[in-house]
Each structure stands twice: as C-alpha cells, then as structure tokens.
Amino acid sequence: MTFVRTKLRLERLKPGEILKVRLRGEEPLRNVPRAARDEGHTIMGIEAQGEVHIVTIRRA
C-alpha cells in the first residue's frame, strides 16, 4: 500500500521533480525504492532518522 501512495504522488510531479517519502519498517524500505527504480525513477538517497527512513526520489 505504501508504494501505491508513493506512485500516486510521483504521478502528480513533473519529470525531474523530487519527492521525499517517510517510511517505517523493513518491508516498505525494501519495496518502495525497488518499485520506484523498476518504474524508471531515480533513488537519490535514503537517510535514517531513528525508526523512520527518508527516501528521496527523482521522477523520471
């Protein structure tokens, strides 16, 4: 479900724009970056902030 929400947000962006996504848990941290890459987007970074990870994605 987390990637579905992320995908909907990415679709609203123009190519090259940046989206920061806050993720909690191991499963979303594995799945969201992988699925974004599979769709052609670029993962610019993943930053840990305690139990939350911030994933920065550039829209393809």
N, C-alpha and C. Protein backbone atom coordinates (compact mmCIF):
# COMPACT_ATOMS: atom_id res chain seq x y z
N MET A 1 0.82 -1.20 0.00
CA MET A 1 0.00 0.00 0.00
C MET A 1 0.86 1.27 0.00
N THR A 2 2.01 1.19 0.66
CA THR A 2 2.87 2.37 0.74
C THR A 2 3.33 2.80 -0.64
N PHE A 3 3.71 1.84 -1.51
CA PHE A 3 4.16 2.25 -2.83
C PHE A 3 3.02 2.78 -3.67
N VAL A 4 1.82 2.30 -3.47
CA VAL A 4 0.67 2.82 -4.22
C VAL A 4 0.53 4.31 -3.95
N ARG A 5 0.61 4.69 -2.68
CA ARG A 5 0.52 6.12 -2.33
C ARG A 5 1.69 6.90 -2.92
N THR A 6 2.88 6.31 -2.84
CA THR A 6 4.07 6.96 -3.40
C THR A 6 3.92 7.13 -4.91
N LYS A 7 3.44 6.10 -5.59
CA LYS A 7 3.26 6.16 -7.04
C LYS A 7 2.27 7.26 -7.42
N LEU A 8 1.18 7.37 -6.68
CA LEU A 8 0.20 8.42 -6.96
C LEU A 8 0.81 9.80 -6.81
N ARG A 9 1.62 9.98 -5.79
CA ARG A 9 2.30 11.28 -5.59
C ARG A 9 3.28 11.55 -6.72
N LEU A 10 4.04 10.54 -7.12
CA LEU A 10 5.00 10.71 -8.21
C LEU A 10 4.31 11.10 -9.52
N GLU A 11 3.13 10.54 -9.75
CA GLU A 11 2.41 10.84 -10.99
C GLU A 11 1.99 12.30 -11.06
N ARG A 12 1.86 12.96 -9.94
CA ARG A 12 1.49 14.38 -9.92
C ARG A 12 2.67 15.31 -10.19
N LEU A 13 3.87 14.77 -10.10
CA LEU A 13 5.07 15.58 -10.30
C LEU A 13 5.45 15.65 -11.77
N LYS A 14 6.18 16.70 -12.12
CA LYS A 14 6.74 16.82 -13.45
C LYS A 14 8.05 16.04 -13.49
N PRO A 15 8.47 15.55 -14.66
CA PRO A 15 9.75 14.86 -14.75
C PRO A 15 10.88 15.71 -14.17
N GLY A 16 11.72 15.06 -13.36
CA GLY A 16 12.85 15.74 -12.74
C GLY A 16 12.56 16.29 -11.36
N GLU A 17 11.29 16.40 -10.99
CA GLU A 17 10.95 16.90 -9.66
C GLU A 17 11.25 15.82 -8.61
N ILE A 18 11.38 16.29 -7.38
CA ILE A 18 11.82 15.44 -6.27
C ILE A 18 10.67 15.18 -5.30
N LEU A 19 10.62 13.93 -4.81
CA LEU A 19 9.66 13.54 -3.78
C LEU A 19 10.42 12.92 -2.63
N LYS A 20 10.11 13.35 -1.41
CA LYS A 20 10.68 12.74 -0.21
C LYS A 20 9.58 11.94 0.46
N VAL A 21 9.88 10.67 0.76
CA VAL A 21 8.90 9.76 1.35
C VAL A 21 9.43 9.28 2.69
N ARG A 22 8.58 9.34 3.71
CA ARG A 22 8.93 8.83 5.04
C ARG A 22 8.43 7.40 5.16
N LEU A 23 9.34 6.48 5.50
CA LEU A 23 8.99 5.07 5.59
C LEU A 23 9.32 4.52 6.97
N ARG A 24 8.45 3.66 7.45
CA ARG A 24 8.69 2.95 8.72
C ARG A 24 8.64 1.47 8.44
N GLY A 25 9.59 0.74 8.97
CA GLY A 25 9.60 -0.72 8.83
C GLY A 25 10.47 -1.20 7.69
N GLU A 26 10.83 -2.47 7.81
CA GLU A 26 11.73 -3.08 6.84
C GLU A 26 11.08 -3.30 5.47
N GLU A 27 9.84 -3.76 5.46
CA GLU A 27 9.19 -4.08 4.19
C GLU A 27 9.04 -2.87 3.28
N PRO A 28 8.49 -1.75 3.76
CA PRO A 28 8.42 -0.57 2.88
C PRO A 28 9.80 -0.08 2.45
N LEU A 29 10.78 -0.20 3.33
CA LEU A 29 12.13 0.26 2.99
C LEU A 29 12.73 -0.59 1.87
N ARG A 30 12.38 -1.86 1.81
CA ARG A 30 12.84 -2.72 0.70
C ARG A 30 12.02 -2.46 -0.56
N ASN A 31 10.71 -2.38 -0.40
CA ASN A 31 9.81 -2.38 -1.56
C ASN A 31 9.69 -1.05 -2.29
N VAL A 32 9.60 0.05 -1.57
CA VAL A 32 9.37 1.35 -2.22
C VAL A 32 10.54 1.74 -3.13
N PRO A 33 11.78 1.73 -2.65
CA PRO A 33 12.88 2.08 -3.56
C PRO A 33 12.98 1.13 -4.77
N ARG A 34 12.79 -0.17 -4.54
CA ARG A 34 12.87 -1.14 -5.63
C ARG A 34 11.79 -0.87 -6.67
N ALA A 35 10.56 -0.67 -6.22
CA ALA A 35 9.45 -0.43 -7.15
C ALA A 35 9.64 0.89 -7.90
N ALA A 36 10.14 1.90 -7.22
CA ALA A 36 10.39 3.19 -7.88
C ALA A 36 11.44 3.03 -8.97
N ARG A 37 12.52 2.31 -8.67
CA ARG A 37 13.55 2.06 -9.69
C ARG A 37 12.97 1.28 -10.87
N ASP A 38 12.15 0.27 -10.56
CA ASP A 38 11.54 -0.54 -11.62
C ASP A 38 10.70 0.32 -12.55
N GLU A 39 10.15 1.41 -12.05
CA GLU A 39 9.32 2.31 -12.87
C GLU A 39 10.16 3.38 -13.56
N GLY A 40 11.48 3.34 -13.37
CA GLY A 40 12.37 4.27 -14.06
C GLY A 40 12.77 5.50 -13.27
N HIS A 41 12.32 5.63 -12.03
CA HIS A 41 12.67 6.78 -11.20
C HIS A 41 14.06 6.57 -10.58
N THR A 42 14.66 7.64 -10.11
CA THR A 42 15.98 7.58 -9.51
C THR A 42 15.88 7.75 -8.00
N ILE A 43 16.51 6.84 -7.27
CA ILE A 43 16.60 6.97 -5.82
C ILE A 43 17.85 7.80 -5.55
N MET A 44 17.65 9.00 -5.04
CA MET A 44 18.77 9.91 -4.81
C MET A 44 19.43 9.68 -3.46
N GLY A 45 18.69 9.10 -2.52
CA GLY A 45 19.27 8.83 -1.22
C GLY A 45 18.25 8.26 -0.26
N ILE A 46 18.79 7.60 0.76
CA ILE A 46 17.98 7.06 1.85
C ILE A 46 18.67 7.48 3.14
N GLU A 47 17.95 8.21 3.97
CA GLU A 47 18.50 8.75 5.21
C GLU A 47 17.73 8.19 6.39
N ALA A 48 18.46 7.61 7.34
CA ALA A 48 17.84 7.07 8.55
C ALA A 48 17.68 8.18 9.58
N GLN A 49 16.49 8.24 10.16
CA GLN A 49 16.21 9.18 11.25
C GLN A 49 15.48 8.40 12.33
N GLY A 50 16.24 7.67 13.14
CA GLY A 50 15.63 6.82 14.14
C GLY A 50 14.94 5.65 13.46
N GLU A 51 13.66 5.45 13.77
CA GLU A 51 12.89 4.36 13.18
C GLU A 51 12.33 4.70 11.81
N VAL A 52 12.48 5.94 11.40
CA VAL A 52 11.94 6.41 10.11
C VAL A 52 13.10 6.57 9.13
N HIS A 53 12.83 6.21 7.88
CA HIS A 53 13.79 6.44 6.80
C HIS A 53 13.17 7.41 5.80
N ILE A 54 13.96 8.36 5.35
CA ILE A 54 13.53 9.32 4.34
C ILE A 54 14.15 8.90 3.01
N VAL A 55 13.30 8.59 2.05
CA VAL A 55 13.77 8.17 0.72
C VAL A 55 13.51 9.34 -0.23
N THR A 56 14.54 9.78 -0.92
CA THR A 56 14.43 10.87 -1.87
C THR A 56 14.40 10.29 -3.28
N ILE A 57 13.32 10.58 -4.01
CA ILE A 57 13.10 10.01 -5.33
C ILE A 57 12.97 11.13 -6.36
N ARG A 58 13.69 11.01 -7.49
CA ARG A 58 13.54 11.95 -8.60
C ARG A 58 12.66 11.28 -9.66
N ARG A 59 11.61 11.98 -10.05
CA ARG A 59 10.68 11.42 -11.04
C ARG A 59 11.34 11.34 -12.40
N ALA A 60 11.11 10.23 -13.06
CA ALA A 60 11.66 10.00 -14.40
C ALA A 60 10.97 10.89 -15.41
